[in-house]
Amino acid sequence: MSKILAFETSCDDTSVAVIDTNYHVYANLISSQATHEDFGGVVPELASRLHMQNIMKVTEAALNKAGCTLTEIDAVAVSVNPGLIGALLVGVSFAKGLAYSINKPLIAVNHMLGHIYANKIENADLEPPYLALVVSGGHTELVDFKAYDKFEIVGRTRDDAAGEAFDKVAKLLDLGYPGGPIIDRLAKQGNPDFENFPRAMKGKDIFDFSFSGFKTSVRNYLESHSKEFINEHLSDITASVQNAIVDSLVSKTINYAKKHSIKNIIVAGGVSANSLLRSEMQKKVKKISVNVYFPSMQYCMDNAAMIGAAAVDKFERKEFADLSLNAFSTKGVRFI
């Protein structure tokens, strides 16, 4: 059994974890950057600077919590894409320097693949084939995995992603950032059928997503009603918004699973924490005798444990990166 020290700095959370090759997590610390709330979204330059301030402190704290020293670490893993390029560079540069200084192998991990592998932390035996619904920030994708290195992206967003749709609607309603958890909380008290917001790209054989028209529809709706009306029906409006986004995600995933006889579905990314998405997906898979897996709440958001989990297979296959490794911001699931 070997231990991996993992880093995640793709956006506004500085995270460091220690995980072993049996997917046991010894420490998974996250330093969130609350500063961005003042701006209603992440400021890339500010995120990079805060990563630089925090990464050493979080690393020391993670090692202390794990009860191990750098001499007990067998590899260093780091997310290299996609994400904010400046933020990624902080993590990659730090991980490269650390791996070099302790003479341990370096493992490059795709951030979105990390979200998928978050499911293995509590389901270590989970292996392809499976269909992954990846819903994280600016990413919404359906990925059909035949094997760990054989996959096809069968659906992707044409414009806004589900996470962006939640955030942008929350901004229109002046609810704060990030919008997803706030809308989820308010929607619990509302009527999801209060307003029927549009679902784009309908059809059983259409697996791409689109949320830009939905966002425009919500904006037009809000502009056509008084502030008093919106405040009075805020829970109903947010419930209707959440219902529309989740319905699109669930219906396309289920339709693909039915058409291609998929037996296992994985849901991954920050939006996988949404309570309606979880309940609706679990309800629908029962009707078609399919298994569905969600990461526990602590592994839904960006975290280094998922990066370490995605590094396990690469460690065992000795797929190591050299010190010329660089970060890049290309979107999507991509092996490197």
Protein backbone atom coordinates (compact mmCIF):
# COMPACT_ATOMS: atom_id res chain seq x y z
CA MET A 1 0.00 0.00 0.00
CA SER A 2 1.43 3.36 -1.10
CA LYS A 3 0.50 6.92 -0.17
CA ILE A 4 -0.14 9.77 -2.60
CA LEU A 5 0.03 13.46 -1.72
CA ALA A 6 -2.47 15.23 -3.98
CA PHE A 7 -3.07 18.88 -4.90
CA GLU A 8 -6.11 20.62 -6.37
CA THR A 9 -6.00 24.34 -7.31
CA SER A 10 -8.08 24.52 -10.47
CA CYS A 11 -10.38 27.32 -9.29
CA ASP A 12 -10.84 29.06 -5.93
CA ASP A 13 -10.24 26.22 -3.45
CA THR A 14 -6.75 25.27 -2.30
CA SER A 15 -6.95 21.59 -1.39
CA VAL A 16 -4.34 19.05 -0.30
CA ALA A 17 -5.00 15.39 0.50
CA VAL A 18 -3.21 12.23 1.50
CA ILE A 19 -4.77 9.05 0.10
CA ASP A 20 -3.44 5.52 -0.30
CA THR A 21 -3.75 3.09 -3.20
CA ASN A 22 -6.67 1.39 -1.47
CA TYR A 23 -8.56 4.72 -1.71
CA HIS A 24 -8.37 5.34 2.02
CA VAL A 25 -8.31 9.09 2.71
CA TYR A 26 -6.06 10.13 5.62
CA ALA A 27 -6.57 13.86 5.14
CA ASN A 28 -8.49 16.05 2.73
CA LEU A 29 -8.21 19.74 3.60
CA ILE A 30 -9.79 22.58 1.66
CA SER A 31 -9.07 26.29 2.09
CA SER A 32 -11.96 28.16 0.47
CA GLN A 33 -11.55 31.72 -0.79
CA ALA A 34 -14.57 33.59 0.58
CA THR A 35 -13.17 36.83 -0.87
CA HIS A 36 -14.77 36.09 -4.25
CA GLU A 37 -18.28 36.37 -2.79
CA ASP A 38 -17.87 40.16 -2.87
CA PHE A 39 -17.55 40.00 -6.67
CA GLY A 40 -20.34 37.52 -7.40
CA GLY A 41 -17.87 35.09 -8.97
CA VAL A 42 -14.25 33.99 -9.00
CA VAL A 43 -11.62 36.61 -9.85
CA PRO A 44 -8.81 34.59 -11.53
CA GLU A 45 -5.86 36.80 -10.56
CA LEU A 46 -7.02 36.99 -6.95
CA ALA A 47 -7.52 33.23 -6.85
CA SER A 48 -3.94 32.64 -8.02
CA ARG A 49 -2.48 34.95 -5.39
CA LEU A 50 -4.48 33.33 -2.60
CA HIS A 51 -3.36 29.86 -3.73
CA MET A 52 0.23 31.04 -3.43
CA GLN A 53 -0.41 32.27 0.11
CA ASN A 54 -2.23 29.15 1.25
CA ILE A 55 -0.72 26.10 -0.44
CA MET A 56 2.24 25.63 1.90
CA LYS A 57 0.09 26.02 5.02
CA VAL A 58 -2.55 23.60 3.76
CA THR A 59 0.13 21.06 2.80
CA GLU A 60 1.67 21.14 6.26
CA ALA A 61 -1.77 20.83 7.88
CA ALA A 62 -2.74 17.88 5.64
CA LEU A 63 0.44 15.98 6.44
CA ASN A 64 -0.06 16.64 10.15
CA LYS A 65 -3.65 15.42 10.01
CA ALA A 66 -2.60 12.32 8.07
CA GLY A 67 0.06 11.63 10.66
CA CYS A 68 2.81 11.19 8.11
CA THR A 69 5.89 12.95 6.83
CA LEU A 70 7.11 13.63 3.31
CA THR A 71 9.44 10.63 3.59
CA GLU A 72 6.36 8.40 3.78
CA ILE A 73 4.86 9.81 0.59
CA ASP A 74 5.29 7.59 -2.49
CA ALA A 75 4.02 9.95 -5.21
CA VAL A 76 2.76 13.50 -5.78
CA ALA A 77 -0.40 14.09 -7.84
CA VAL A 78 -1.78 17.38 -9.15
CA SER A 79 -4.65 18.58 -11.33
CA VAL A 80 -3.32 20.16 -14.53
CA ASN A 81 -6.50 20.82 -16.55
CA PRO A 82 -9.09 22.19 -17.00
CA GLY A 83 -9.47 25.28 -14.85
CA LEU A 84 -8.20 28.82 -14.36
CA ILE A 85 -4.73 28.76 -15.89
CA GLY A 86 -3.09 30.92 -13.21
CA ALA A 87 -4.61 28.88 -10.40
CA LEU A 88 -3.57 25.61 -12.04
CA LEU A 89 -0.02 26.89 -12.49
CA VAL A 90 0.35 27.50 -8.76
CA GLY A 91 -0.57 23.91 -7.96
CA VAL A 92 1.48 22.39 -10.78
CA SER A 93 4.58 24.45 -9.94
CA PHE A 94 4.36 23.61 -6.25
CA ALA A 95 3.77 19.89 -6.91
CA LYS A 96 6.67 19.72 -9.37
CA GLY A 97 9.05 21.37 -6.94
CA LEU A 98 7.95 19.14 -4.09
CA ALA A 99 8.18 15.92 -6.15
CA TYR A 100 11.67 16.91 -7.26
CA SER A 101 12.80 17.78 -3.74
CA ILE A 102 11.71 14.45 -2.24
CA ASN A 103 12.63 12.43 -5.35
CA LYS A 104 9.15 10.96 -5.83
CA PRO A 105 7.18 10.42 -9.06
CA LEU A 106 4.80 13.11 -10.30
CA ILE A 107 1.31 12.24 -11.56
CA ALA A 108 -0.75 14.57 -13.76
CA VAL A 109 -4.53 14.36 -13.33
CA ASN A 110 -7.42 15.75 -15.33
CA HIS A 111 -9.68 17.68 -12.96
CA MET A 112 -12.92 16.36 -14.46
CA LEU A 113 -11.63 12.79 -14.29
CA GLY A 114 -10.94 13.51 -10.63
CA HIS A 115 -14.62 14.28 -10.09
CA ILE A 116 -15.52 10.93 -11.65
CA TYR A 117 -13.00 9.06 -9.50
CA ALA A 118 -14.42 10.69 -6.36
CA ASN A 119 -16.97 7.90 -6.55
CA LYS A 120 -14.21 5.31 -6.05
CA ILE A 121 -13.28 6.65 -2.62
CA GLU A 122 -16.30 4.88 -1.15
CA ASN A 123 -16.80 2.38 -3.98
CA ALA A 124 -13.27 1.09 -4.58
CA ASP A 125 -14.49 -1.84 -6.69
CA LEU A 126 -16.39 0.39 -9.13
CA GLU A 127 -15.00 -0.17 -12.63
CA PRO A 128 -16.10 0.62 -16.20
CA PRO A 129 -18.27 0.16 -18.14
CA TYR A 130 -20.39 3.01 -16.85
CA LEU A 131 -21.98 6.27 -17.97
CA ALA A 132 -20.71 9.38 -16.20
CA LEU A 133 -22.77 12.56 -15.90
CA VAL A 134 -20.18 15.23 -15.10
CA VAL A 135 -21.72 18.47 -13.83
CA SER A 136 -19.14 20.81 -12.36
CA GLY A 137 -18.97 24.58 -12.72
CA GLY A 138 -18.59 25.36 -16.42
CA HIS A 139 -18.72 21.69 -17.43
CA THR A 140 -21.68 19.49 -18.29
CA GLU A 141 -20.87 16.27 -20.10
CA LEU A 142 -22.12 12.73 -20.58
CA VAL A 143 -19.20 10.34 -20.94
CA ASP A 144 -19.60 6.68 -21.91
CA PHE A 145 -16.71 4.72 -20.40
CA LYS A 146 -16.02 1.27 -21.88
CA ALA A 147 -12.70 1.04 -20.03
CA TYR A 148 -10.52 3.47 -18.07
CA ASP A 149 -8.71 4.45 -21.28
CA LYS A 150 -11.55 3.91 -23.75
CA PHE A 151 -14.35 6.45 -23.54
CA GLU A 152 -16.56 8.67 -25.68
CA ILE A 153 -18.05 12.04 -24.80
CA VAL A 154 -21.62 11.45 -26.00
CA GLY A 155 -23.15 14.69 -24.75
CA ARG A 156 -21.85 18.11 -23.85
CA THR A 157 -23.18 21.60 -23.30
CA ARG A 158 -23.45 23.80 -26.35
CA ASP A 159 -23.23 26.98 -24.24
CA ASP A 160 -23.81 27.47 -20.51
CA ALA A 161 -23.31 24.52 -18.18
CA ALA A 162 -25.72 23.49 -15.42
CA GLY A 163 -23.53 24.96 -12.68
CA GLU A 164 -23.29 28.26 -14.57
CA ALA A 165 -27.06 28.30 -14.99
CA PHE A 166 -27.55 27.98 -11.22
CA ASP A 167 -25.01 30.75 -10.55
CA LYS A 168 -26.41 33.13 -13.16
CA VAL A 169 -29.99 32.71 -11.99
CA ALA A 170 -28.86 33.29 -8.41
CA LYS A 171 -27.17 36.48 -9.56
CA LEU A 172 -30.34 37.64 -11.32
CA LEU A 173 -32.20 37.07 -8.05
CA ASP A 174 -29.42 38.72 -6.03
CA LEU A 175 -29.04 35.59 -3.88
CA GLY A 176 -25.26 35.46 -3.64
CA TYR A 177 -22.49 33.14 -4.82
CA PRO A 178 -22.20 30.21 -5.36
CA GLY A 179 -25.80 29.98 -6.48
CA GLY A 180 -26.40 26.23 -6.58
CA PRO A 181 -26.55 25.54 -2.82
CA ILE A 182 -28.63 28.66 -2.19
CA ILE A 183 -31.21 27.76 -4.84
CA ASP A 184 -31.30 24.16 -3.58
CA ARG A 185 -32.06 25.35 -0.06
CA LEU A 186 -34.79 27.82 -1.09
CA ALA A 187 -36.37 25.37 -3.53
CA LYS A 188 -37.15 22.88 -0.76
CA GLN A 189 -40.00 25.17 0.37
CA GLY A 190 -41.34 25.88 -3.13
CA ASN A 191 -43.59 24.44 -5.84
CA PRO A 192 -41.47 23.07 -8.74
CA ASP A 193 -44.46 23.39 -11.09
CA PHE A 194 -45.07 27.07 -10.29
CA GLU A 195 -43.50 28.13 -13.61
CA ASN A 196 -42.63 25.91 -16.56
CA PHE A 197 -39.24 27.15 -17.73
CA PRO A 198 -38.05 25.74 -21.09
CA ARG A 199 -35.92 22.63 -21.56
CA ALA A 200 -33.70 23.01 -24.61
CA MET A 201 -32.66 20.34 -27.11
CA LYS A 202 -35.43 17.90 -26.32
CA GLY A 203 -35.64 14.49 -27.95
CA LYS A 204 -34.78 10.95 -26.92
CA ASP A 205 -31.77 10.83 -29.24
CA ILE A 206 -30.35 14.26 -28.38
CA PHE A 207 -27.80 14.07 -25.59
CA ASP A 208 -26.19 17.52 -25.78
CA PHE A 209 -27.20 20.19 -23.27
CA SER A 210 -28.03 23.87 -23.56
CA PHE A 211 -28.89 26.32 -20.79
CA SER A 212 -28.40 29.75 -22.37
CA GLY A 213 -32.00 29.96 -23.62
CA PHE A 214 -33.22 28.79 -20.23
CA LYS A 215 -31.21 31.56 -18.56
CA THR A 216 -32.70 34.15 -20.92
CA SER A 217 -36.18 32.83 -20.23
CA VAL A 218 -35.66 33.24 -16.48
CA ARG A 219 -34.32 36.76 -16.95
CA ASN A 220 -37.33 37.74 -19.09
CA TYR A 221 -39.67 36.23 -16.52
CA LEU A 222 -38.10 38.18 -13.68
CA GLU A 223 -38.14 41.42 -15.66
CA SER A 224 -41.87 40.98 -16.33
CA HIS A 225 -42.77 40.72 -12.64
CA SER A 226 -42.50 43.16 -9.76
CA LYS A 227 -39.94 42.81 -7.00
CA GLU A 228 -42.79 42.27 -4.56
CA PHE A 229 -44.10 39.33 -6.60
CA ILE A 230 -40.62 37.80 -6.92
CA ASN A 231 -39.95 38.12 -3.19
CA GLU A 232 -43.34 36.65 -2.34
CA HIS A 233 -42.81 33.65 -4.62
CA LEU A 234 -39.02 33.29 -4.33
CA SER A 235 -39.17 29.66 -3.16
CA ASP A 236 -41.57 28.74 -5.97
CA ILE A 237 -39.40 30.44 -8.61
CA THR A 238 -36.19 28.80 -7.40
CA ALA A 239 -37.97 25.42 -7.22
CA SER A 240 -39.12 25.84 -10.83
CA VAL A 241 -35.61 26.86 -11.92
CA GLN A 242 -34.05 23.86 -10.21
CA ASN A 243 -36.70 21.55 -11.63
CA ALA A 244 -35.94 22.65 -15.20
CA ILE A 245 -32.17 22.23 -14.86
CA VAL A 246 -32.41 18.85 -13.14
CA ASP A 247 -35.03 17.55 -15.56
CA SER A 248 -32.69 18.18 -18.48
CA LEU A 249 -29.77 16.45 -16.75
CA VAL A 250 -31.75 13.42 -15.63
CA SER A 251 -33.82 12.86 -18.76
CA LYS A 252 -30.84 12.89 -21.13
CA THR A 253 -28.80 10.62 -18.87
CA ILE A 254 -31.65 8.12 -18.49
CA ASN A 255 -32.47 8.18 -22.21
CA TYR A 256 -28.88 7.37 -23.12
CA ALA A 257 -28.68 4.63 -20.50
CA LYS A 258 -31.87 3.02 -21.82
CA LYS A 259 -30.82 3.24 -25.46
CA HIS A 260 -27.38 1.72 -24.86
CA SER A 261 -28.26 -0.76 -22.08
CA ILE A 262 -26.06 0.98 -19.50
CA LYS A 263 -26.09 -0.76 -16.12
CA ASN A 264 -24.10 1.74 -14.03
CA ILE A 265 -24.38 5.52 -13.91
CA ILE A 266 -21.93 7.80 -12.09
CA VAL A 267 -22.85 11.38 -11.22
CA ALA A 268 -19.89 13.66 -10.52
CA GLY A 269 -19.00 17.29 -9.88
CA GLY A 270 -20.29 20.06 -7.66
CA VAL A 271 -23.86 19.87 -8.97
CA SER A 272 -23.97 16.20 -7.88
CA ALA A 273 -24.58 17.61 -4.39
CA ASN A 274 -27.97 18.98 -5.51
CA SER A 275 -30.71 17.26 -3.52
CA LEU A 276 -33.26 17.17 -6.37
CA LEU A 277 -30.74 15.74 -8.83
CA ARG A 278 -29.96 12.96 -6.36
CA SER A 279 -33.57 12.10 -5.60
CA GLU A 280 -34.78 12.27 -9.22
CA MET A 281 -31.89 10.22 -10.57
CA GLN A 282 -32.38 7.57 -7.88
CA LYS A 283 -36.09 7.47 -8.62
CA LYS A 284 -35.65 7.11 -12.38
CA VAL A 285 -32.91 4.45 -12.33
CA LYS A 286 -35.11 2.14 -10.27
CA LYS A 287 -37.58 2.03 -13.17
CA ILE A 288 -34.92 0.75 -15.57
CA SER A 289 -32.95 -1.44 -13.12
CA VAL A 290 -29.76 0.62 -13.29
CA ASN A 291 -27.31 1.38 -10.47
CA VAL A 292 -26.41 4.99 -9.74
CA TYR A 293 -23.45 6.27 -7.74
CA PHE A 294 -22.94 9.67 -6.14
CA PRO A 295 -19.87 10.83 -4.23
CA SER A 296 -20.50 11.71 -0.59
CA MET A 297 -21.11 15.41 -0.05
CA GLN A 298 -17.55 16.12 1.10
CA TYR A 299 -16.19 14.85 -2.24
CA CYS A 300 -18.68 16.60 -4.56
CA MET A 301 -16.95 19.98 -4.60
CA ASP A 302 -13.38 20.54 -5.77
CA ASN A 303 -11.05 18.62 -3.46
CA ALA A 304 -7.65 16.96 -3.58
CA ALA A 305 -8.85 13.53 -2.44
CA MET A 306 -10.55 13.04 -5.80
CA ILE A 307 -7.31 14.01 -7.57
CA GLY A 308 -5.46 11.44 -5.50
CA ALA A 309 -8.11 8.83 -6.28
CA ALA A 310 -7.73 9.48 -10.02
CA ALA A 311 -3.96 9.13 -9.60
CA VAL A 312 -4.12 5.61 -8.13
CA ASP A 313 -4.51 3.81 -11.46
CA LYS A 314 -1.73 5.88 -13.00
CA PHE A 315 0.55 5.15 -10.04
CA GLU A 316 -0.01 1.41 -10.38
CA ARG A 317 0.65 1.57 -14.14
CA LYS A 318 3.68 3.82 -13.54
CA GLU A 319 2.29 6.55 -15.79
CA PHE A 320 4.37 9.39 -14.43
CA ALA A 321 4.91 12.93 -15.67
CA ASP A 322 8.29 14.61 -15.97
CA LEU A 323 9.29 18.06 -14.79
CA SER A 324 8.36 19.63 -18.12
CA LEU A 325 4.70 19.19 -17.10
CA ASN A 326 2.62 22.32 -17.62
CA ALA A 327 -0.95 23.33 -16.87
CA PHE A 328 -3.53 24.00 -19.59
CA SER A 329 -7.11 25.14 -19.46
CA THR A 330 -8.77 22.99 -22.14
CA LYS A 331 -12.27 22.04 -21.07
CA GLY A 332 -13.62 18.53 -20.77
CA VAL A 333 -12.64 15.01 -19.74
CA ARG A 334 -9.21 14.29 -21.15
CA PHE A 335 -6.54 11.78 -20.22
CA ILE A 336 -2.95 12.98 -20.06
